[in-house]
């Protein structure tokens, strides 16, 4: 079973154009404002993997996949959406007063992502669809990744509630 946008990734990857220069990826030594700006642009591209389930608007699919727009899980402590992306999500979860009970694989597509990629896509989601939560840094992702490294199962709502 493949969830949330597996398959052909060419739709979310811009074609190479020899007339257009591409900016280098930000590094941990880049000033925070520049990282947030670059991460948001890259995050929008990475979000293409999430659109099959969460839709281009972040509204999700009623009864199946929860919305990211206005979600308390998205805009709350950054450790929660980080953990969801790293490990996936299973079981019943309440989002904006509605119950959902579906499965999300790690990274949405079960294709591992770097700390920079996780930070970029979450920064995009936390600042899009009407959301206005702070940016996520690669250091925050690394911290959650290390703290949950022994985890072998997807997160549950109870697990997320324990994160701060």
N, C-alpha and C. Protein backbone atom coordinates (compact mmCIF):
# COMPACT_ATOMS: atom_id res chain seq x y z
N UNK A 1 0.85 -1.18 0.00
CA UNK A 1 0.00 0.00 0.00
C UNK A 1 0.89 1.23 0.00
N UNK A 2 0.58 2.17 -0.85
CA UNK A 2 1.32 3.42 -0.90
C UNK A 2 0.37 4.54 -0.53
N UNK A 3 0.79 5.39 0.38
CA UNK A 3 -0.06 6.49 0.80
C UNK A 3 0.58 7.81 0.44
N UNK A 4 -0.21 8.77 0.23
CA UNK A 4 0.19 10.17 0.08
C UNK A 4 1.28 10.41 -0.96
N UNK A 5 0.97 10.19 -2.21
CA UNK A 5 1.79 10.70 -3.29
C UNK A 5 3.03 9.94 -3.67
N UNK A 6 3.03 8.62 -3.65
CA UNK A 6 4.17 7.88 -4.16
C UNK A 6 4.17 7.94 -5.67
N UNK A 7 5.07 7.26 -6.29
CA UNK A 7 5.06 7.17 -7.74
C UNK A 7 5.91 8.22 -8.41
N UNK A 8 5.43 8.73 -9.55
CA UNK A 8 6.17 9.66 -10.40
C UNK A 8 6.44 10.97 -9.69
N UNK A 9 7.71 11.23 -9.42
CA UNK A 9 8.08 12.46 -8.73
C UNK A 9 8.42 13.57 -9.71
N UNK A 10 8.38 13.29 -11.02
CA UNK A 10 8.75 14.29 -11.99
C UNK A 10 7.79 15.46 -12.00
N UNK A 11 6.55 15.25 -11.56
CA UNK A 11 5.59 16.34 -11.54
C UNK A 11 5.97 17.41 -10.54
N UNK A 12 6.72 17.06 -9.50
CA UNK A 12 7.10 18.06 -8.51
C UNK A 12 8.54 18.51 -8.65
N UNK A 13 9.22 18.04 -9.69
CA UNK A 13 10.61 18.42 -9.90
C UNK A 13 10.71 19.29 -11.13
N UNK A 14 11.15 20.54 -10.99
CA UNK A 14 11.24 21.40 -12.14
C UNK A 14 12.27 20.88 -13.14
N UNK A 15 11.99 21.11 -14.42
CA UNK A 15 12.91 20.69 -15.47
C UNK A 15 14.15 21.55 -15.43
N UNK A 16 15.28 20.96 -15.76
CA UNK A 16 16.54 21.70 -15.78
C UNK A 16 16.51 22.69 -16.94
N UNK A 17 17.02 23.88 -16.71
CA UNK A 17 17.07 24.92 -17.74
C UNK A 17 18.44 25.54 -17.66
N UNK A 18 19.20 25.40 -18.71
CA UNK A 18 20.58 25.87 -18.69
C UNK A 18 20.68 27.38 -18.56
N UNK A 19 19.57 28.10 -18.76
CA UNK A 19 19.61 29.55 -18.65
C UNK A 19 19.29 30.03 -17.24
N UNK A 20 18.87 29.12 -16.39
CA UNK A 20 18.49 29.50 -15.04
C UNK A 20 19.46 28.91 -14.04
N UNK A 21 20.07 29.75 -13.24
CA UNK A 21 20.97 29.26 -12.19
C UNK A 21 20.15 28.81 -11.01
N UNK A 22 20.62 27.78 -10.33
CA UNK A 22 19.94 27.33 -9.13
C UNK A 22 20.78 27.71 -7.93
N UNK A 23 20.10 28.14 -6.89
CA UNK A 23 20.79 28.54 -5.67
C UNK A 23 21.26 27.32 -4.93
N UNK A 24 22.40 27.40 -4.27
CA UNK A 24 22.86 26.26 -3.47
C UNK A 24 21.93 26.05 -2.28
N UNK A 25 21.85 24.82 -1.83
CA UNK A 25 21.02 24.53 -0.66
C UNK A 25 21.62 25.22 0.56
N UNK A 26 20.74 25.71 1.46
CA UNK A 26 21.25 26.36 2.66
C UNK A 26 21.98 25.36 3.55
N UNK A 27 22.95 25.85 4.29
CA UNK A 27 23.67 25.02 5.24
C UNK A 27 23.39 25.53 6.64
N UNK A 28 23.81 24.78 7.63
CA UNK A 28 23.58 25.20 9.00
C UNK A 28 24.29 26.51 9.34
N UNK A 29 25.25 26.95 8.54
CA UNK A 29 25.95 28.19 8.82
C UNK A 29 25.28 29.39 8.15
N UNK A 30 24.20 29.15 7.40
CA UNK A 30 23.47 30.24 6.76
C UNK A 30 22.66 30.98 7.82
N UNK A 31 22.58 32.31 7.76
CA UNK A 31 21.76 33.04 8.73
C UNK A 31 20.33 32.52 8.74
N UNK A 32 19.69 32.54 9.91
CA UNK A 32 18.36 31.97 10.10
C UNK A 32 17.33 32.53 9.12
N UNK A 33 17.33 33.82 8.86
CA UNK A 33 16.35 34.40 7.95
C UNK A 33 16.50 33.85 6.55
N UNK A 34 17.72 33.66 6.10
CA UNK A 34 17.97 33.12 4.77
C UNK A 34 17.53 31.66 4.72
N UNK A 35 17.81 30.89 5.76
CA UNK A 35 17.41 29.49 5.82
C UNK A 35 15.90 29.38 5.75
N UNK A 36 15.18 30.21 6.53
CA UNK A 36 13.73 30.15 6.52
C UNK A 36 13.19 30.47 5.14
N UNK A 37 13.73 31.47 4.47
CA UNK A 37 13.28 31.85 3.14
C UNK A 37 13.55 30.74 2.13
N UNK A 38 14.75 30.21 2.13
CA UNK A 38 15.11 29.13 1.20
C UNK A 38 14.32 27.87 1.51
N UNK A 39 14.13 27.57 2.81
CA UNK A 39 13.40 26.38 3.20
C UNK A 39 11.95 26.44 2.75
N UNK A 40 11.33 27.62 2.81
CA UNK A 40 9.95 27.74 2.40
C UNK A 40 9.81 27.44 0.92
N UNK A 41 10.71 27.95 0.09
CA UNK A 41 10.65 27.68 -1.35
C UNK A 41 10.84 26.19 -1.63
N UNK A 42 11.83 25.57 -1.03
CA UNK A 42 12.09 24.15 -1.20
C UNK A 42 10.94 23.34 -0.59
N UNK A 43 10.40 23.79 0.52
CA UNK A 43 9.30 23.11 1.19
C UNK A 43 8.06 23.02 0.33
N UNK A 44 7.80 24.06 -0.43
CA UNK A 44 6.65 24.03 -1.34
C UNK A 44 6.81 22.93 -2.38
N UNK A 45 8.01 22.79 -2.90
CA UNK A 45 8.28 21.73 -3.88
C UNK A 45 8.12 20.35 -3.23
N UNK A 46 8.67 20.17 -2.05
CA UNK A 46 8.57 18.88 -1.35
C UNK A 46 7.12 18.57 -1.02
N UNK A 47 6.31 19.59 -0.72
CA UNK A 47 4.90 19.39 -0.39
C UNK A 47 4.15 18.69 -1.53
N UNK A 48 4.68 18.74 -2.72
CA UNK A 48 4.06 18.02 -3.83
C UNK A 48 3.84 16.54 -3.51
N UNK A 49 4.68 15.96 -2.66
CA UNK A 49 4.52 14.56 -2.25
C UNK A 49 3.29 14.37 -1.36
N UNK A 50 2.83 15.43 -0.73
CA UNK A 50 1.76 15.36 0.26
C UNK A 50 0.38 15.65 -0.32
N UNK A 51 0.37 16.25 -1.51
CA UNK A 51 -0.89 16.75 -2.08
C UNK A 51 -1.93 15.70 -2.39
N UNK A 52 -1.53 14.49 -2.71
CA UNK A 52 -2.52 13.46 -3.03
C UNK A 52 -3.50 13.25 -1.87
N UNK A 53 -3.01 13.34 -0.66
CA UNK A 53 -3.87 13.15 0.52
C UNK A 53 -4.33 14.47 1.13
N UNK A 54 -3.42 15.41 1.29
CA UNK A 54 -3.74 16.65 2.00
C UNK A 54 -4.18 17.78 1.08
N UNK A 55 -4.13 17.54 -0.24
CA UNK A 55 -4.62 18.47 -1.26
C UNK A 55 -3.74 19.71 -1.38
N UNK A 56 -3.84 20.38 -2.51
CA UNK A 56 -3.05 21.58 -2.78
C UNK A 56 -3.38 22.71 -1.81
N UNK A 57 -4.59 22.69 -1.29
CA UNK A 57 -5.05 23.74 -0.37
C UNK A 57 -4.78 23.41 1.10
N UNK A 58 -4.30 22.20 1.38
CA UNK A 58 -4.09 21.78 2.76
C UNK A 58 -5.38 21.40 3.45
N UNK A 59 -6.49 21.29 2.71
CA UNK A 59 -7.80 21.01 3.30
C UNK A 59 -8.01 19.53 3.61
N UNK A 60 -7.13 18.66 3.13
CA UNK A 60 -7.30 17.23 3.37
C UNK A 60 -8.49 16.68 2.60
N UNK A 61 -8.91 15.49 2.99
CA UNK A 61 -10.07 14.84 2.37
C UNK A 61 -11.00 14.41 3.49
N UNK A 62 -12.17 15.05 3.59
CA UNK A 62 -13.10 14.75 4.69
C UNK A 62 -13.32 13.25 4.87
N UNK A 63 -13.23 12.82 6.11
CA UNK A 63 -13.44 11.42 6.45
C UNK A 63 -12.26 10.52 6.17
N UNK A 64 -11.27 11.01 5.45
CA UNK A 64 -10.13 10.16 5.09
C UNK A 64 -8.81 10.72 5.61
N UNK A 65 -8.43 11.91 5.14
CA UNK A 65 -7.14 12.49 5.51
C UNK A 65 -7.36 13.86 6.12
N UNK A 66 -6.80 14.12 7.30
CA UNK A 66 -7.07 15.37 8.01
C UNK A 66 -6.49 16.59 7.30
N UNK A 67 -7.10 17.74 7.56
CA UNK A 67 -6.58 18.98 7.00
C UNK A 67 -5.29 19.40 7.70
N UNK A 68 -4.44 20.08 6.95
CA UNK A 68 -3.27 20.72 7.53
C UNK A 68 -3.58 22.19 7.82
N UNK A 69 -4.52 22.73 7.05
CA UNK A 69 -4.96 24.12 7.23
C UNK A 69 -5.68 24.23 8.57
N UNK A 70 -5.14 25.06 9.45
CA UNK A 70 -5.76 25.28 10.75
C UNK A 70 -5.63 24.13 11.73
N UNK A 71 -4.82 23.15 11.42
CA UNK A 71 -4.65 21.99 12.30
C UNK A 71 -3.84 22.34 13.53
N UNK A 72 -4.36 21.99 14.67
CA UNK A 72 -3.65 22.21 15.93
C UNK A 72 -2.38 21.36 16.00
N UNK A 73 -2.33 20.25 15.27
CA UNK A 73 -1.15 19.39 15.25
C UNK A 73 -0.04 20.01 14.41
N UNK A 74 -0.41 20.78 13.42
CA UNK A 74 0.56 21.45 12.55
C UNK A 74 1.11 22.71 13.21
N UNK A 75 0.24 23.48 13.84
CA UNK A 75 0.63 24.79 14.38
C UNK A 75 1.06 24.74 15.84
N UNK A 76 0.90 23.61 16.50
CA UNK A 76 1.33 23.47 17.88
C UNK A 76 2.83 23.26 17.98
N UNK A 77 3.28 22.60 19.04
CA UNK A 77 4.73 22.35 19.19
C UNK A 77 5.30 21.67 17.95
N UNK A 78 6.43 22.16 17.46
CA UNK A 78 7.01 21.63 16.22
C UNK A 78 7.40 20.17 16.35
N UNK A 79 7.65 19.69 17.55
CA UNK A 79 8.03 18.28 17.73
C UNK A 79 6.94 17.34 17.23
N UNK A 80 5.70 17.77 17.27
CA UNK A 80 4.60 16.89 16.86
C UNK A 80 4.57 16.65 15.36
N UNK A 81 4.53 17.68 14.52
CA UNK A 81 4.55 17.38 13.08
C UNK A 81 5.88 16.76 12.63
N UNK A 82 6.97 17.09 13.32
CA UNK A 82 8.25 16.45 12.99
C UNK A 82 8.13 14.95 13.22
N UNK A 83 7.62 14.55 14.38
CA UNK A 83 7.47 13.13 14.71
C UNK A 83 6.54 12.43 13.73
N UNK A 84 5.47 13.11 13.32
CA UNK A 84 4.54 12.52 12.35
C UNK A 84 5.27 12.24 11.03
N UNK A 85 6.03 13.23 10.55
CA UNK A 85 6.74 13.02 9.29
C UNK A 85 7.79 11.92 9.41
N UNK A 86 8.53 11.90 10.50
CA UNK A 86 9.59 10.91 10.67
C UNK A 86 9.08 9.49 10.81
N UNK A 87 7.93 9.30 11.48
CA UNK A 87 7.49 7.95 11.83
C UNK A 87 6.14 7.57 11.26
N UNK A 88 5.41 8.51 10.70
CA UNK A 88 4.07 8.23 10.22
C UNK A 88 3.06 8.38 11.35
N UNK A 89 1.81 8.09 11.03
CA UNK A 89 0.72 8.25 11.99
C UNK A 89 -0.31 7.16 11.76
N UNK A 90 -0.81 6.60 12.85
CA UNK A 90 -1.86 5.58 12.73
C UNK A 90 -2.85 5.74 13.86
N UNK A 91 -4.03 5.23 13.65
CA UNK A 91 -5.06 5.26 14.68
C UNK A 91 -5.87 6.54 14.63
N UNK A 92 -6.82 6.60 15.54
CA UNK A 92 -7.73 7.74 15.58
C UNK A 92 -7.03 9.00 16.07
N UNK A 93 -7.31 10.09 15.38
CA UNK A 93 -6.80 11.40 15.78
C UNK A 93 -7.89 12.42 15.52
N UNK A 94 -8.02 13.37 16.42
CA UNK A 94 -9.01 14.43 16.26
C UNK A 94 -8.30 15.68 15.77
N UNK A 95 -8.77 16.22 14.65
CA UNK A 95 -8.20 17.43 14.07
C UNK A 95 -9.35 18.40 13.84
N UNK A 96 -9.25 19.57 14.44
CA UNK A 96 -10.27 20.61 14.31
C UNK A 96 -11.66 20.06 14.67
N UNK A 97 -11.70 19.23 15.71
CA UNK A 97 -12.97 18.69 16.20
C UNK A 97 -13.51 17.50 15.44
N UNK A 98 -12.85 17.08 14.35
CA UNK A 98 -13.29 15.94 13.55
C UNK A 98 -12.36 14.75 13.79
N UNK A 99 -12.93 13.57 13.86
CA UNK A 99 -12.12 12.36 14.07
C UNK A 99 -11.73 11.75 12.71
N UNK A 100 -10.47 11.32 12.64
CA UNK A 100 -9.94 10.64 11.47
C UNK A 100 -9.30 9.36 11.96
N UNK A 101 -9.32 8.32 11.14
CA UNK A 101 -8.70 7.07 11.53
C UNK A 101 -8.13 6.41 10.27
N UNK A 102 -7.04 6.96 9.80
CA UNK A 102 -6.38 6.42 8.62
C UNK A 102 -4.91 6.23 8.94
N UNK A 103 -4.14 5.88 7.95
CA UNK A 103 -2.73 5.60 8.14
C UNK A 103 -1.90 6.54 7.27
N UNK A 104 -0.87 7.11 7.84
CA UNK A 104 0.10 7.88 7.08
C UNK A 104 1.44 7.21 7.28
N UNK A 105 2.09 6.88 6.19
CA UNK A 105 3.42 6.28 6.25
C UNK A 105 4.44 7.35 6.65
N UNK A 106 5.59 6.92 7.13
CA UNK A 106 6.67 7.85 7.42
C UNK A 106 6.95 8.68 6.17
N UNK A 107 7.17 9.95 6.33
CA UNK A 107 7.45 10.89 5.24
C UNK A 107 6.30 10.97 4.25
N UNK A 108 5.16 10.41 4.57
CA UNK A 108 4.02 10.40 3.67
C UNK A 108 4.18 9.39 2.56
N UNK A 109 5.38 9.20 2.08
CA UNK A 109 5.65 8.30 0.96
C UNK A 109 6.60 7.17 1.34
N UNK A 110 7.03 7.14 2.58
CA UNK A 110 8.00 6.17 3.08
C UNK A 110 9.37 6.33 2.40
N UNK A 111 9.61 7.49 1.80
CA UNK A 111 10.91 7.81 1.20
C UNK A 111 11.63 8.72 2.19
N UNK A 112 12.71 8.26 2.82
CA UNK A 112 13.39 9.05 3.84
C UNK A 112 13.76 10.45 3.35
N UNK A 113 13.73 11.38 4.29
CA UNK A 113 14.07 12.78 4.03
C UNK A 113 15.15 13.22 5.00
N UNK A 114 15.97 14.14 4.55
CA UNK A 114 17.01 14.71 5.42
C UNK A 114 16.36 15.66 6.42
N UNK A 115 17.12 16.04 7.43
CA UNK A 115 16.63 17.02 8.41
C UNK A 115 16.27 18.33 7.71
N UNK A 116 17.08 18.73 6.73
CA UNK A 116 16.80 19.96 5.97
C UNK A 116 15.47 19.85 5.22
N UNK A 117 15.21 18.70 4.59
CA UNK A 117 13.96 18.52 3.84
C UNK A 117 12.75 18.50 4.76
N UNK A 118 12.84 17.82 5.89
CA UNK A 118 11.73 17.79 6.84
C UNK A 118 11.47 19.20 7.35
N UNK A 119 12.52 19.92 7.71
CA UNK A 119 12.36 21.30 8.18
C UNK A 119 11.73 22.18 7.11
N UNK A 120 12.16 22.01 5.86
CA UNK A 120 11.65 22.84 4.77
C UNK A 120 10.16 22.62 4.54
N UNK A 121 9.74 21.36 4.44
CA UNK A 121 8.34 21.11 4.14
C UNK A 121 7.46 21.50 5.33
N UNK A 122 7.92 21.27 6.55
CA UNK A 122 7.11 21.67 7.70
C UNK A 122 7.06 23.19 7.85
N UNK A 123 8.14 23.87 7.54
CA UNK A 123 8.11 25.33 7.55
C UNK A 123 7.09 25.83 6.54
N UNK A 124 7.08 25.23 5.36
CA UNK A 124 6.09 25.60 4.34
C UNK A 124 4.66 25.37 4.86
N UNK A 125 4.39 24.18 5.39
CA UNK A 125 3.04 23.85 5.86
C UNK A 125 2.63 24.75 7.02
N UNK A 126 3.56 25.02 7.94
CA UNK A 126 3.23 25.83 9.12
C UNK A 126 3.05 27.31 8.78
N UNK A 127 3.42 27.71 7.55
CA UNK A 127 3.24 29.12 7.16
C UNK A 127 2.33 29.25 5.94
N UNK A 128 1.63 28.19 5.57
CA UNK A 128 0.72 28.20 4.41
C UNK A 128 -0.68 27.80 4.85
N UNK A 129 -1.62 27.92 3.93
CA UNK A 129 -3.01 27.48 4.14
C UNK A 129 -3.68 28.25 5.29
N UNK A 130 -3.23 29.47 5.55
CA UNK A 130 -3.77 30.26 6.65
C UNK A 130 -3.06 30.01 7.98
N UNK A 131 -2.10 29.10 8.01
CA UNK A 131 -1.33 28.82 9.23
C UNK A 131 -0.28 29.91 9.42
N UNK A 132 0.08 30.16 10.66
CA UNK A 132 1.13 31.16 10.93
C UNK A 132 2.00 30.73 12.11
N UNK A 133 2.49 29.50 12.06
CA UNK A 133 3.35 28.98 13.11
C UNK A 133 4.82 29.25 12.75
N UNK A 134 5.69 29.25 13.75
CA UNK A 134 7.12 29.50 13.49
C UNK A 134 7.76 28.44 12.58
N UNK A 135 8.84 28.83 11.94
CA UNK A 135 9.61 27.94 11.09
C UNK A 135 10.17 26.78 11.91
N UNK A 136 10.43 25.69 11.22
CA UNK A 136 11.08 24.52 11.82
C UNK A 136 12.52 24.51 11.33
N UNK A 137 13.45 24.27 12.22
CA UNK A 137 14.86 24.25 11.86
C UNK A 137 15.36 22.81 11.71
N UNK A 138 16.40 22.62 10.92
CA UNK A 138 17.00 21.29 10.84
C UNK A 138 17.48 20.79 12.22
N UNK A 139 17.91 21.69 13.08
CA UNK A 139 18.35 21.29 14.42
C UNK A 139 17.18 20.72 15.23
N UNK A 140 15.99 21.30 15.09
CA UNK A 140 14.81 20.76 15.78
C UNK A 140 14.49 19.36 15.27
N UNK A 141 14.59 19.18 13.96
CA UNK A 141 14.33 17.87 13.36
C UNK A 141 15.34 16.86 13.89
N UNK A 142 16.61 17.23 13.90
CA UNK A 142 17.66 16.33 14.39
C UNK A 142 17.41 15.92 15.84
N UNK A 143 16.96 16.86 16.65
CA UNK A 143 16.68 16.58 18.06
C UNK A 143 15.55 15.56 18.21
N UNK A 144 14.46 15.74 17.45
CA UNK A 144 13.34 14.80 17.52
C UNK A 144 13.75 13.45 16.92
N UNK A 145 14.50 13.49 15.83
CA UNK A 145 14.96 12.25 15.20
C UNK A 145 15.79 11.44 16.21
N UNK A 146 16.71 12.08 16.93
CA UNK A 146 17.55 11.39 17.91
C UNK A 146 16.71 10.87 19.08
N UNK A 147 15.76 11.68 19.55
CA UNK A 147 14.95 11.30 20.70
C UNK A 147 14.00 10.14 20.39
N UNK A 148 13.65 9.97 19.11
CA UNK A 148 12.70 8.92 18.74
C UNK A 148 13.34 7.84 17.87
N UNK A 149 14.66 7.79 17.85
CA UNK A 149 15.40 6.88 16.96
C UNK A 149 15.05 5.41 17.16
N UNK A 150 14.68 5.02 18.36
CA UNK A 150 14.38 3.61 18.61
C UNK A 150 12.95 3.24 18.24
N UNK A 151 12.16 4.18 17.84
CA UNK A 151 10.76 3.94 17.50
C UNK A 151 10.66 3.09 16.23
N UNK A 152 9.79 2.08 16.28
CA UNK A 152 9.61 1.20 15.13
C UNK A 152 8.17 1.19 14.61
N UNK A 153 7.30 1.95 15.25
CA UNK A 153 5.90 2.01 14.83
C UNK A 153 5.50 3.46 14.60
N UNK A 154 4.43 3.67 13.82
CA UNK A 154 3.94 5.04 13.61
C UNK A 154 3.47 5.67 14.91
N UNK A 155 3.41 6.99 14.90
CA UNK A 155 2.92 7.75 16.05
C UNK A 155 1.41 7.55 16.19
N UNK A 156 0.91 7.77 17.40
CA UNK A 156 -0.53 7.81 17.66
C UNK A 156 -0.84 9.15 18.30
N UNK A 157 -2.10 9.48 18.43
CA UNK A 157 -2.46 10.74 19.06
C UNK A 157 -1.90 10.80 20.49
N UNK A 158 -1.98 9.70 21.21
CA UNK A 158 -1.45 9.66 22.58
C UNK A 158 0.05 9.96 22.59
N UNK A 159 0.79 9.38 21.63
CA UNK A 159 2.23 9.65 21.54
C UNK A 159 2.49 11.14 21.27
N UNK A 160 1.70 11.71 20.38
CA UNK A 160 1.88 13.13 20.03
C UNK A 160 1.59 14.04 21.21
N UNK A 161 0.57 13.70 21.98
CA UNK A 161 0.20 14.50 23.14
C UNK A 161 1.31 14.52 24.17
N UNK A 162 2.12 13.48 24.21
CA UNK A 162 3.24 13.40 25.16
C UNK A 162 4.42 14.26 24.75
N UNK A 163 4.46 14.67 23.49
CA UNK A 163 5.56 15.51 22.99
C UNK A 163 5.33 16.97 23.32
N UNK A 164 6.39 17.66 23.65
CA UNK A 164 6.28 19.10 23.92
C UNK A 164 7.14 19.91 23.00
